[in-house]
Amino acid sequence: MTTDCLSDTFSALADPTRRAILARLALGELSVGELARPFKISGPAITKHLKVLQRVGLITRSRHAQWRPCRLEAKPLQEVAAWVEEYRRYWDESFDRLDDYLAELQKKEKHEHNR
């Protein structure tokens, strides 16, 4: 059975705590303790969030003596951005058509006003 990586990534991103964790990791590596500090949830709850992020490849965890840093991994986010980009083009084209339509209406209104 194959997995849909994009769906897994969106599922992981659906939780605001996990998005906040990723935002913090975008600034650099942090230990689990440092990541947990601003959240009012238990250590095991943070660990569960980290496991979800790690399972979908959004973070990696390593060990350096007593320090266990977490690091953001961008590849799944690049896949999300590529998927969203297709829809951005759709909206850009839709807005361009709307701009053309509104310009045509203004032109007609101006023409009728000058009669």
PDB file of N, CA and C in Angstrom:
ATOM      1  N   MET A   1       0.835  -1.168   0.000  1.00  0.00           N
ATOM      2  CA  MET A   1       0.000   0.000   0.000  1.00  0.00           C
ATOM      3  C   MET A   1       0.892   1.247   0.000  1.00  0.00           C
ATOM      4  N   THR A   2       0.632   2.175  -0.934  1.00  0.00           N
ATOM      5  CA  THR A   2       1.428   3.395  -1.003  1.00  0.00           C
ATOM      6  C   THR A   2       0.761   4.494  -0.174  1.00  0.00           C
ATOM      7  N   THR A   3       1.584   5.400   0.285  1.00  0.00           N
ATOM      8  CA  THR A   3       1.039   6.504   1.061  1.00  0.00           C
ATOM      9  C   THR A   3       1.072   7.766   0.221  1.00  0.00           C
ATOM     10  N   ASP A   4       0.171   8.645   0.503  1.00  0.00           N
ATOM     11  CA  ASP A   4       0.104   9.941  -0.154  1.00  0.00           C
ATOM     12  C   ASP A   4       0.868  10.928   0.727  1.00  0.00           C
ATOM     13  N   CYS A   5       2.090  11.217   0.355  1.00  0.00           N
ATOM     14  CA  CYS A   5       2.961  12.071   1.181  1.00  0.00           C
ATOM     15  C   CYS A   5       2.382  13.465   1.358  1.00  0.00           C
ATOM     16  N   LEU A   6       1.763  13.999   0.314  1.00  0.00           N
ATOM     17  CA  LEU A   6       1.185  15.334   0.414  1.00  0.00           C
ATOM     18  C   LEU A   6       0.058  15.361   1.444  1.00  0.00           C
ATOM     19  N   SER A   7      -0.782  14.344   1.437  1.00  0.00           N
ATOM     20  CA  SER A   7      -1.868  14.267   2.426  1.00  0.00           C
ATOM     21  C   SER A   7      -1.309  14.132   3.833  1.00  0.00           C
ATOM     22  N   ASP A   8      -0.271  13.324   3.979  1.00  0.00           N
ATOM     23  CA  ASP A   8       0.356  13.165   5.292  1.00  0.00           C
ATOM     24  C   ASP A   8       0.933  14.496   5.785  1.00  0.00           C
ATOM     25  N   THR A   9       1.551  15.239   4.885  1.00  0.00           N
ATOM     26  CA  THR A   9       2.127  16.527   5.260  1.00  0.00           C
ATOM     27  C   THR A   9       1.030  17.507   5.659  1.00  0.00           C
ATOM     28  N   PHE A  10      -0.037  17.575   4.864  1.00  0.00           N
ATOM     29  CA  PHE A  10      -1.145  18.469   5.227  1.00  0.00           C
ATOM     30  C   PHE A  10      -1.761  18.059   6.557  1.00  0.00           C
ATOM     31  N   SER A  11      -1.861  16.781   6.802  1.00  0.00           N
ATOM     32  CA  SER A  11      -2.409  16.313   8.073  1.00  0.00           C
ATOM     33  C   SER A  11      -1.541  16.774   9.237  1.00  0.00           C
ATOM     34  N   ALA A  12      -0.238  16.669   9.072  1.00  0.00           N
ATOM     35  CA  ALA A  12       0.678  17.110  10.122  1.00  0.00           C
ATOM     36  C   ALA A  12       0.594  18.623  10.315  1.00  0.00           C
ATOM     37  N   LEU A  13       0.424  19.355   9.224  1.00  0.00           N
ATOM     38  CA  LEU A  13       0.356  20.818   9.291  1.00  0.00           C
ATOM     39  C   LEU A  13      -0.985  21.325   9.812  1.00  0.00           C
ATOM     40  N   ALA A  14      -1.968  20.450   9.902  1.00  0.00           N
ATOM     41  CA  ALA A  14      -3.305  20.864  10.337  1.00  0.00           C
ATOM     42  C   ALA A  14      -3.338  21.297  11.795  1.00  0.00           C
ATOM     43  N   ASP A  15      -2.385  20.862  12.571  1.00  0.00           N
ATOM     44  CA  ASP A  15      -2.377  21.183  14.000  1.00  0.00           C
ATOM     45  C   ASP A  15      -1.584  22.460  14.260  1.00  0.00           C
ATOM     46  N   PRO A  16      -2.187  23.433  14.960  1.00  0.00           N
ATOM     47  CA  PRO A  16      -1.485  24.702  15.201  1.00  0.00           C
ATOM     48  C   PRO A  16      -0.222  24.564  16.057  1.00  0.00           C
ATOM     49  N   THR A  17      -0.192  23.603  16.960  1.00  0.00           N
ATOM     50  CA  THR A  17       1.019  23.402  17.772  1.00  0.00           C
ATOM     51  C   THR A  17       2.158  22.932  16.887  1.00  0.00           C
ATOM     52  N   ARG A  18       1.866  22.019  15.967  1.00  0.00           N
ATOM     53  CA  ARG A  18       2.925  21.540  15.069  1.00  0.00           C
ATOM     54  C   ARG A  18       3.401  22.650  14.140  1.00  0.00           C
ATOM     55  N   ARG A  19       2.479  23.501  13.678  1.00  0.00           N
ATOM     56  CA  ARG A  19       2.905  24.636  12.841  1.00  0.00           C
ATOM     57  C   ARG A  19       3.782  25.586  13.647  1.00  0.00           C
ATOM     58  N   ALA A  20       3.448  25.800  14.903  1.00  0.00           N
ATOM     59  CA  ALA A  20       4.264  26.673  15.758  1.00  0.00           C
ATOM     60  C   ALA A  20       5.646  26.067  15.988  1.00  0.00           C
ATOM     61  N   ILE A  21       5.702  24.762  16.155  1.00  0.00           N
ATOM     62  CA  ILE A  21       6.995  24.079  16.312  1.00  0.00           C
ATOM     63  C   ILE A  21       7.844  24.296  15.062  1.00  0.00           C
ATOM     64  N   LEU A  22       7.244  24.131  13.889  1.00  0.00           N
ATOM     65  CA  LEU A  22       7.992  24.331  12.639  1.00  0.00           C
ATOM     66  C   LEU A  22       8.464  25.777  12.511  1.00  0.00           C
ATOM     67  N   ALA A  23       7.626  26.718  12.910  1.00  0.00           N
ATOM     68  CA  ALA A  23       8.027  28.130  12.840  1.00  0.00           C
ATOM     69  C   ALA A  23       9.240  28.382  13.726  1.00  0.00           C
ATOM     70  N   ARG A  24       9.261  27.783  14.888  1.00  0.00           N
ATOM     71  CA  ARG A  24      10.416  27.955  15.791  1.00  0.00           C
ATOM     72  C   ARG A  24      11.656  27.308  15.198  1.00  0.00           C
ATOM     73  N   LEU A  25      11.479  26.134  14.579  1.00  0.00           N
ATOM     74  CA  LEU A  25      12.627  25.436  13.991  1.00  0.00           C
ATOM     75  C   LEU A  25      13.136  26.136  12.736  1.00  0.00           C
ATOM     76  N   ALA A  26      12.309  26.962  12.109  1.00  0.00           N
ATOM     77  CA  ALA A  26      12.759  27.718  10.939  1.00  0.00           C
ATOM     78  C   ALA A  26      13.868  28.701  11.320  1.00  0.00           C
ATOM     79  N   LEU A  27      13.945  29.020  12.601  1.00  0.00           N
ATOM     80  CA  LEU A  27      14.987  29.934  13.087  1.00  0.00           C
ATOM     81  C   LEU A  27      16.274  29.209  13.446  1.00  0.00           C
ATOM     82  N   GLY A  28      16.213  27.880  13.517  1.00  0.00           N
ATOM     83  CA  GLY A  28      17.403  27.101  13.835  1.00  0.00           C
ATOM     84  C   GLY A  28      17.082  25.901  14.701  1.00  0.00           C
ATOM     85  N   GLU A  29      18.078  25.050  14.882  1.00  0.00           N
ATOM     86  CA  GLU A  29      17.922  23.833  15.690  1.00  0.00           C
ATOM     87  C   GLU A  29      17.573  24.184  17.132  1.00  0.00           C
ATOM     88  N   LEU A  30      16.718  23.345  17.712  1.00  0.00           N
ATOM     89  CA  LEU A  30      16.370  23.487  19.119  1.00  0.00           C
ATOM     90  C   LEU A  30      16.238  22.111  19.734  1.00  0.00           C
ATOM     91  N   SER A  31      16.490  22.022  21.024  1.00  0.00           N
ATOM     92  CA  SER A  31      16.275  20.763  21.736  1.00  0.00           C
ATOM     93  C   SER A  31      14.783  20.608  22.002  1.00  0.00           C
ATOM     94  N   VAL A  32      14.387  19.409  22.366  1.00  0.00           N
ATOM     95  CA  VAL A  32      12.993  19.142  22.693  1.00  0.00           C
ATOM     96  C   VAL A  32      12.539  20.053  23.837  1.00  0.00           C
ATOM     97  N   GLY A  33      13.368  20.210  24.840  1.00  0.00           N
ATOM     98  CA  GLY A  33      13.041  21.080  25.962  1.00  0.00           C
ATOM     99  C   GLY A  33      12.838  22.523  25.536  1.00  0.00           C
ATOM    100  N   GLU A  34      13.727  23.002  24.656  1.00  0.00           N
ATOM    101  CA  GLU A  34      13.602  24.374  24.159  1.00  0.00           C
ATOM    102  C   GLU A  34      12.325  24.532  23.324  1.00  0.00           C
ATOM    103  N   LEU A  35      12.010  23.517  22.545  1.00  0.00           N
ATOM    104  CA  LEU A  35      10.781  23.562  21.746  1.00  0.00           C
ATOM    105  C   LEU A  35       9.539  23.566  22.625  1.00  0.00           C
ATOM    106  N   ALA A  36       9.571  22.806  23.697  1.00  0.00           N
ATOM    107  CA  ALA A  36       8.400  22.649  24.566  1.00  0.00           C
ATOM    108  C   ALA A  36       8.135  23.890  25.415  1.00  0.00           C
ATOM    109  N   ARG A  37       9.155  24.683  25.675  1.00  0.00           N
ATOM    110  CA  ARG A  37       9.067  25.792  26.634  1.00  0.00           C
ATOM    111  C   ARG A  37       7.850  26.702  26.455  1.00  0.00           C
ATOM    112  N   PRO A  38       7.522  27.200  25.247  1.00  0.00           N
ATOM    113  CA  PRO A  38       6.410  28.160  25.163  1.00  0.00           C
ATOM    114  C   PRO A  38       5.009  27.531  25.183  1.00  0.00           C
ATOM    115  N   PHE A  39       4.942  26.212  25.140  1.00  0.00           N
ATOM    116  CA  PHE A  39       3.648  25.547  25.062  1.00  0.00           C
ATOM    117  C   PHE A  39       3.167  25.114  26.440  1.00  0.00           C
ATOM    118  N   LYS A  40       1.895  25.233  26.650  1.00  0.00           N
ATOM    119  CA  LYS A  40       1.303  24.822  27.927  1.00  0.00           C
ATOM    120  C   LYS A  40       0.743  23.407  27.794  1.00  0.00           C
ATOM    121  N   ILE A  41       1.594  22.507  27.335  1.00  0.00           N
ATOM    122  CA  ILE A  41       1.213  21.094  27.227  1.00  0.00           C
ATOM    123  C   ILE A  41       2.336  20.248  27.821  1.00  0.00           C
ATOM    124  N   SER A  42       2.030  19.008  28.081  1.00  0.00           N
ATOM    125  CA  SER A  42       2.995  18.122  28.736  1.00  0.00           C
ATOM    126  C   SER A  42       4.147  17.740  27.806  1.00  0.00           C
ATOM    127  N   GLY A  43       5.213  17.270  28.407  1.00  0.00           N
ATOM    128  CA  GLY A  43       6.354  16.758  27.645  1.00  0.00           C
ATOM    129  C   GLY A  43       5.968  15.627  26.711  1.00  0.00           C
ATOM    130  N   PRO A  44       5.179  14.638  27.214  1.00  0.00           N
ATOM    131  CA  PRO A  44       4.750  13.564  26.306  1.00  0.00           C
ATOM    132  C   PRO A  44       3.917  14.076  25.122  1.00  0.00           C
ATOM    133  N   ALA A  45       3.136  15.130  25.351  1.00  0.00           N
ATOM    134  CA  ALA A  45       2.340  15.686  24.247  1.00  0.00           C
ATOM    135  C   ALA A  45       3.252  16.312  23.192  1.00  0.00           C
ATOM    136  N   ILE A  46       4.276  17.047  23.628  1.00  0.00           N
ATOM    137  CA  ILE A  46       5.248  17.617  22.680  1.00  0.00           C
ATOM    138  C   ILE A  46       5.928  16.501  21.908  1.00  0.00           C
ATOM    139  N   THR A  47       6.312  15.443  22.617  1.00  0.00           N
ATOM    140  CA  THR A  47       6.973  14.309  21.968  1.00  0.00           C
ATOM    141  C   THR A  47       6.080  13.695  20.897  1.00  0.00           C
ATOM    142  N   LYS A  48       4.791  13.588  21.174  1.00  0.00           N
ATOM    143  CA  LYS A  48       3.860  13.047  20.171  1.00  0.00           C
ATOM    144  C   LYS A  48       3.826  13.949  18.936  1.00  0.00           C
ATOM    145  N   HIS A  49       3.784  15.264  19.150  1.00  0.00           N
ATOM    146  CA  HIS A  49       3.798  16.191  18.017  1.00  0.00           C
ATOM    147  C   HIS A  49       5.087  16.041  17.208  1.00  0.00           C
ATOM    148  N   LEU A  50       6.211  15.917  17.904  1.00  0.00           N
ATOM    149  CA  LEU A  50       7.488  15.762  17.210  1.00  0.00           C
ATOM    150  C   LEU A  50       7.528  14.465  16.417  1.00  0.00           C
ATOM    151  N   LYS A  51       6.964  13.405  16.953  1.00  0.00           N
ATOM    152  CA  LYS A  51       6.935  12.130  16.232  1.00  0.00           C
ATOM    153  C   LYS A  51       6.116  12.236  14.947  1.00  0.00           C
ATOM    154  N   VAL A  52       4.992  12.955  15.011  1.00  0.00           N
ATOM    155  CA  VAL A  52       4.178  13.159  13.803  1.00  0.00           C
ATOM    156  C   VAL A  52       4.994  13.921  12.759  1.00  0.00           C
ATOM    157  N   LEU A  53       5.640  15.007  13.181  1.00  0.00           N
ATOM    158  CA  LEU A  53       6.446  15.805  12.259  1.00  0.00           C
ATOM    159  C   LEU A  53       7.615  15.006  11.695  1.00  0.00           C
ATOM    160  N   GLN A  54       8.215  14.184  12.517  1.00  0.00           N
ATOM    161  CA  GLN A  54       9.346  13.363  12.071  1.00  0.00           C
ATOM    162  C   GLN A  54       8.877  12.283  11.102  1.00  0.00           C
ATOM    163  N   ARG A  55       7.744  11.666  11.385  1.00  0.00           N
ATOM    164  CA  ARG A  55       7.226  10.588  10.532  1.00  0.00           C
ATOM    165  C   ARG A  55       6.964  11.071   9.098  1.00  0.00           C
ATOM    166  N   VAL A  56       6.487  12.306   8.939  1.00  0.00           N
ATOM    167  CA  VAL A  56       6.217  12.828   7.598  1.00  0.00           C
ATOM    168  C   VAL A  56       7.423  13.530   6.984  1.00  0.00           C
ATOM    169  N   GLY A  57       8.532  13.567   7.718  1.00  0.00           N
ATOM    170  CA  GLY A  57       9.775  14.116   7.178  1.00  0.00           C
ATOM    171  C   GLY A  57       9.918  15.619   7.314  1.00  0.00           C
ATOM    172  N   LEU A  58       9.084  16.259   8.147  1.00  0.00           N
ATOM    173  CA  LEU A  58       9.190  17.705   8.334  1.00  0.00           C
ATOM    174  C   LEU A  58      10.302  18.100   9.296  1.00  0.00           C
ATOM    175  N   ILE A  59      10.714  17.178  10.158  1.00  0.00           N
ATOM    176  CA  ILE A  59      11.838  17.439  11.056  1.00  0.00           C
ATOM    177  C   ILE A  59      12.718  16.199  11.128  1.00  0.00           C
ATOM    178  N   THR A  60      13.948  16.423  11.541  1.00  0.00           N
ATOM    179  CA  THR A  60      14.832  15.319  11.905  1.00  0.00           C
ATOM    180  C   THR A  60      15.285  15.572  13.331  1.00  0.00           C
ATOM    181  N   ARG A  61      15.568  14.493  14.013  1.00  0.00           N
ATOM    182  CA  ARG A  61      16.071  14.578  15.397  1.00  0.00           C
ATOM    183  C   ARG A  61      17.386  13.828  15.441  1.00  0.00           C
ATOM    184  N   SER A  62      18.334  14.398  16.147  1.00  0.00           N
ATOM    185  CA  SER A  62      19.645  13.752  16.273  1.00  0.00           C
ATOM    186  C   SER A  62      20.078  13.802  17.725  1.00  0.00           C
ATOM    187  N   ARG A  63      21.256  13.252  17.962  1.00  0.00           N
ATOM    188  CA  ARG A  63      21.766  13.209  19.328  1.00  0.00           C
ATOM    189  C   ARG A  63      23.233  13.584  19.305  1.00  0.00           C
ATOM    190  N   HIS A  64      23.556  14.585  20.123  1.00  0.00           N
ATOM    191  CA  HIS A  64      24.944  15.010  20.315  1.00  0.00           C
ATOM    192  C   HIS A  64      25.181  15.031  21.819  1.00  0.00           C
ATOM    193  N   ALA A  65      25.746  13.959  22.330  1.00  0.00           N
ATOM    194  CA  ALA A  65      25.956  13.796  23.782  1.00  0.00           C
ATOM    195  C   ALA A  65      24.605  13.936  24.486  1.00  0.00           C
ATOM    196  N   GLN A  66      24.480  14.919  25.367  1.00  0.00           N
ATOM    197  CA  GLN A  66      23.226  15.117  26.090  1.00  0.00           C
ATOM    198  C   GLN A  66      22.220  15.976  25.319  1.00  0.00           C
ATOM    199  N   TRP A  67      22.681  16.618  24.253  1.00  0.00           N
ATOM    200  CA  TRP A  67      21.802  17.503  23.487  1.00  0.00           C
ATOM    201  C   TRP A  67      21.134  16.731  22.367  1.00  0.00           C
ATOM    202  N   ARG A  68      19.823  16.824  22.267  1.00  0.00           N
ATOM    203  CA  ARG A  68      19.054  16.126  21.231  1.00  0.00           C
ATOM    204  C   ARG A  68      18.314  17.163  20.376  1.00  0.00           C
ATOM    205  N   PRO A  69      19.020  17.728  19.402  1.00  0.00           N
ATOM    206  CA  PRO A  69      18.416  18.803  18.611  1.00  0.00           C
ATOM    207  C   PRO A  69      17.403  18.297  17.585  1.00  0.00           C
ATOM    208  N   CYS A  70      16.444  19.157  17.288  1.00  0.00           N
ATOM    209  CA  CYS A  70      15.481  18.930  16.217  1.00  0.00           C
ATOM    210  C   CYS A  70      15.791  19.952  15.130  1.00  0.00           C
ATOM    211  N   ARG A  71      15.619  19.539  13.888  1.00  0.00           N
ATOM    212  CA  ARG A  71      15.936  20.405  12.753  1.00  0.00           C
ATOM    213  C   ARG A  71      14.797  20.344  11.742  1.00  0.00           C
ATOM    214  N   LEU A  72      14.436  21.495  11.182  1.00  0.00           N
ATOM    215  CA  LEU A  72      13.423  21.582  10.150  1.00  0.00           C
ATOM    216  C   LEU A  72      13.946  20.969   8.856  1.00  0.00           C
ATOM    217  N   GLU A  73      13.104  20.225   8.184  1.00  0.00           N
ATOM    218  CA  GLU A  73      13.430  19.667   6.865  1.00  0.00           C
ATOM    219  C   GLU A  73      12.446  20.265   5.862  1.00  0.00           C
ATOM    220  N   ALA A  74      12.958  20.910   4.828  1.00  0.00           N
ATOM    221  CA  ALA A  74      12.110  21.699   3.932  1.00  0.00           C
ATOM    222  C   ALA A  74      11.452  20.905   2.799  1.00  0.00           C
ATOM    223  N   LYS A  75      11.955  19.732   2.466  1.00  0.00           N
ATOM    224  CA  LYS A  75      11.442  19.031   1.281  1.00  0.00           C
ATOM    225  C   LYS A  75       9.928  18.856   1.281  1.00  0.00           C
ATOM    226  N   PRO A  76       9.303  18.366   2.356  1.00  0.00           N
ATOM    227  CA  PRO A  76       7.839  18.240   2.311  1.00  0.00           C
ATOM    228  C   PRO A  76       7.136  19.592   2.153  1.00  0.00           C
ATOM    229  N   LEU A  77       7.717  20.650   2.696  1.00  0.00           N
ATOM    230  CA  LEU A  77       7.124  21.974   2.547  1.00  0.00           C
ATOM    231  C   LEU A  77       7.260  22.470   1.108  1.00  0.00           C
ATOM    232  N   GLN A  78       8.337  22.091   0.439  1.00  0.00           N
ATOM    233  CA  GLN A  78       8.502  22.441  -0.971  1.00  0.00           C
ATOM    234  C   GLN A  78       7.430  21.753  -1.812  1.00  0.00           C
ATOM    235  N   GLU A  79       7.088  20.515  -1.463  1.00  0.00           N
ATOM    236  CA  GLU A  79       6.040  19.794  -2.183  1.00  0.00           C
ATOM    237  C   GLU A  79       4.680  20.460  -1.966  1.00  0.00           C
ATOM    238  N   VAL A  80       4.422  20.919  -0.739  1.00  0.00           N
ATOM    239  CA  VAL A  80       3.176  21.640  -0.452  1.00  0.00           C
ATOM    240  C   VAL A  80       3.154  22.946  -1.253  1.00  0.00           C
ATOM    241  N   ALA A  81       4.261  23.668  -1.258  1.00  0.00           N
ATOM    242  CA  ALA A  81       4.332  24.942  -1.981  1.00  0.00           C
ATOM    243  C   ALA A  81       4.103  24.735  -3.479  1.00  0.00           C
ATOM    244  N   ALA A  82       4.656  23.676  -4.043  1.00  0.00           N
ATOM    245  CA  ALA A  82       4.460  23.388  -5.467  1.00  0.00           C
ATOM    246  C   ALA A  82       2.994  23.101  -5.764  1.00  0.00           C
ATOM    247  N   TRP A  83       2.339  22.365  -4.881  1.00  0.00           N
ATOM    248  CA  TRP A  83       0.922  22.051  -5.057  1.00  0.00           C
ATOM    249  C   TRP A  83       0.082  23.328  -4.976  1.00  0.00           C
ATOM    250  N   VAL A  84       0.369  24.174  -3.993  1.00  0.00           N
ATOM    251  CA  VAL A  84      -0.372  25.418  -3.806  1.00  0.00           C
ATOM    252  C   VAL A  84      -0.117  26.374  -4.971  1.00  0.00           C
ATOM    253  N   GLU A  85       1.076  26.341  -5.531  1.00  0.00           N
ATOM    254  CA  GLU A  85       1.446  27.226  -6.637  1.00  0.00           C
ATOM    255  C   GLU A  85       0.488  27.082  -7.819  1.00  0.00           C
ATOM    256  N   GLU A  86       0.061  25.868  -8.101  1.00  0.00           N
ATOM    257  CA  GLU A  86      -0.889  25.649  -9.195  1.00  0.00           C
ATOM    258  C   GLU A  86      -2.169  26.442  -8.958  1.00  0.00           C
ATOM    259  N   TYR A  87      -2.623  26.496  -7.749  1.00  0.00           N
ATOM    260  CA  TYR A  87      -3.848  27.230  -7.423  1.00  0.00           C
ATOM    261  C   TYR A  87      -3.610  28.732  -7.374  1.00  0.00           C
ATOM    262  N   ARG A  88      -2.420  29.143  -7.029  1.00  0.00           N
ATOM    263  CA  ARG A  88      -2.095  30.569  -7.066  1.00  0.00           C
ATOM    264  C   ARG A  88      -2.177  31.071  -8.496  1.00  0.00           C
ATOM    265  N   ARG A  89      -1.666  30.285  -9.438  1.00  0.00           N
ATOM    266  CA  ARG A  89      -1.754  30.670 -10.851  1.00  0.00           C
ATOM    267  C   ARG A  89      -3.204  30.792 -11.285  1.00  0.00           C
ATOM    268  N   TYR A  90      -4.040  29.869 -10.845  1.00  0.00           N
ATOM    269  CA  TYR A  90      -5.465  29.911 -11.169  1.00  0.00           C
ATOM    270  C   TYR A  90      -6.074  31.226 -10.674  1.00  0.00           C
ATOM    271  N   TRP A  91      -5.790  31.589  -9.419  1.00  0.00           N
ATOM    272  CA  TRP A  91      -6.355  32.813  -8.862  1.00  0.00           C
ATOM    273  C   TRP A  91      -5.778  34.046  -9.533  1.00  0.00           C
ATOM    274  N   ASP A  92      -4.496  34.033  -9.847  1.00  0.00           N
ATOM    275  CA  ASP A  92      -3.906  35.165 -10.561  1.00  0.00           C
ATOM    276  C   ASP A  92      -4.596  35.367 -11.903  1.00  0.00           C
ATOM    277  N   GLU A  93      -4.818  34.286 -12.643  1.00  0.00           N
ATOM    278  CA  GLU A  93      -5.492  34.377 -13.930  1.00  0.00           C
ATOM    279  C   GLU A  93      -6.936  34.844 -13.754  1.00  0.00           C
ATOM    280  N   SER A  94      -7.602  34.362 -12.721  1.00  0.00           N
ATOM    281  CA  SER A  94      -8.979  34.798 -12.455  1.00  0.00           C
ATOM    282  C   SER A  94      -9.031  36.284 -12.144  1.00  0.00           C
ATOM    283  N   PHE A  95      -8.095  36.774 -11.338  1.00  0.00           N
ATOM    284  CA  PHE A  95      -8.055  38.202 -11.011  1.00  0.00           C
ATOM    285  C   PHE A  95      -7.709  39.034 -12.243  1.00  0.00           C
ATOM    286  N   ASP A  96      -6.843  38.501 -13.098  1.00  0.00           N
ATOM    287  CA  ASP A  96      -6.526  39.214 -14.338  1.00  0.00           C
ATOM    288  C   ASP A  96      -7.771  39.352 -15.209  1.00  0.00           C
ATOM    289  N   ARG A  97      -8.560  38.290 -15.318  1.00  0.00           N
ATOM    290  CA  ARG A  97      -9.802  38.352 -16.099  1.00  0.00           C
ATOM    291  C   ARG A  97     -10.782  39.342 -15.472  1.00  0.00           C
ATOM    292  N   LEU A  98     -10.858  39.350 -14.141  1.00  0.00           N
ATOM    293  CA  LEU A  98     -11.734  40.288 -13.449  1.00  0.00           C
ATOM    294  C   LEU A  98     -11.275  41.724 -13.696  1.00  0.00           C
ATOM    295  N   ASP A  99      -9.970  41.965 -13.640  1.00  0.00           N
ATOM    296  CA  ASP A  99      -9.432  43.299 -13.931  1.00  0.00           C
ATOM    297  C   ASP A  99      -9.823  43.743 -15.338  1.00  0.00           C
ATOM    298  N   ASP A 100      -9.682  42.828 -16.314  1.00  0.00           N
ATOM    299  CA  ASP A 100     -10.046  43.152 -17.696  1.00  0.00           C
ATOM    300  C   ASP A 100     -11.529  43.478 -17.803  1.00  0.00           C
ATOM    301  N   TYR A 101     -12.351  42.700 -17.146  1.00  0.00           N
ATOM    302  CA  TYR A 101     -13.796  42.912 -17.170  1.00  0.00           C
ATOM    303  C   TYR A 101     -14.158  44.256 -16.541  1.00  0.00           C
ATOM    304  N   LEU A 102     -13.576  44.569 -15.394  1.00  0.00           N
ATOM    305  CA  LEU A 102     -13.861  45.840 -14.727  1.00  0.00           C
ATOM    306  C   LEU A 102     -13.383  47.028 -15.558  1.00  0.00           C
ATOM    307  N   ALA A 103     -12.232  46.896 -16.202  1.00  0.00           N
ATOM    308  CA  ALA A 103     -11.728  47.963 -17.069  1.00  0.00           C
ATOM    309  C   ALA A 103     -12.682  48.185 -18.236  1.00  0.00           C
ATOM    310  N   GLU A 104     -13.201  47.114 -18.792  1.00  0.00           N
ATOM    311  CA  GLU A 104     -14.165  47.219 -19.892  1.00  0.00           C
ATOM    312  C   GLU A 104     -15.451  47.895 -19.420  1.00  0.00           C
ATOM    313  N   LEU A 105     -15.936  47.554 -18.223  1.00  0.00           N
ATOM    314  CA  LEU A 105     -17.133  48.201 -17.678  1.00  0.00           C
ATOM    315  C   LEU A 105     -16.903  49.694 -17.465  1.00  0.00           C
ATOM    316  N   GLN A 106     -15.743  50.041 -16.919  1.00  0.00           N
ATOM    317  CA  GLN A 106     -15.424  51.453 -16.686  1.00  0.00           C
ATOM    318  C   GLN A 106     -15.350  52.209 -18.013  1.00  0.00           C
ATOM    319  N   LYS A 107     -14.800  51.569 -19.012  1.00  0.00           N
ATOM    320  CA  LYS A 107     -14.682  52.177 -20.333  1.00  0.00           C
ATOM    321  C   LYS A 107     -16.077  52.433 -20.912  1.00  0.00           C
ATOM    322  N   LYS A 108     -16.971  51.458 -20.784  1.00  0.00           N
ATOM    323  CA  LYS A 108     -18.342  51.612 -21.283  1.00  0.00           C
ATOM    324  C   LYS A 108     -19.061  52.711 -20.515  1.00  0.00           C
ATOM    325  N   GLU A 109     -18.885  52.729 -19.189  1.00  0.00           N
ATOM    326  CA  GLU A 109     -19.536  53.739 -18.349  1.00  0.00           C
ATOM    327  C   GLU A 109     -19.055  55.131 -18.713  1.00  0.00           C
ATOM    328  N   LYS A 110     -17.765  55.266 -18.934  1.00  0.00           N
ATOM    329  CA  LYS A 110     -17.202  56.557 -19.316  1.00  0.00           C
ATOM    330  C   LYS A 110     -17.733  56.981 -20.670  1.00  0.00           C
ATOM    331  N   HIS A 111     -17.826  56.058 -21.603  1.00  0.00           N
ATOM    332  CA  HIS A 111     -18.332  56.336 -22.946  1.00  0.00           C
ATOM    333  C   HIS A 111     -19.779  56.780 -22.878  1.00  0.00           C
ATOM    334  N   GLU A 112     -20.601  56.101 -22.075  1.00  0.00           N
ATOM    335  CA  GLU A 112     -22.015  56.450 -21.950  1.00  0.00           C
ATOM    336  C   GLU A 112     -22.173  57.791 -21.240  1.00  0.00           C
ATOM    337  N   HIS A 113     -21.296  58.104 -20.306  1.00  0.00           N
ATOM    338  CA  HIS A 113     -21.357  59.358 -19.563  1.00  0.00           C
ATOM    339  C   HIS A 113     -21.010  60.554 -20.464  1.00  0.00           C
ATOM    340  N   ASN A 114     -20.124  60.317 -21.455  1.00  0.00           N
ATOM    341  CA  ASN A 114     -19.692  61.382 -22.354  1.00  0.00           C
ATOM    342  C   ASN A 114     -20.678  61.635 -23.471  1.00  0.00           C
ATOM    343  N   ARG A 115     -21.707  60.875 -23.626  1.00  0.00           N
ATOM    344  CA  ARG A 115     -22.687  61.069 -24.713  1.00  0.00           C
ATOM    345  C   ARG A 115     -23.467  62.305 -24.516  1.00  0.00           C
TER     346      ARG A 115
END
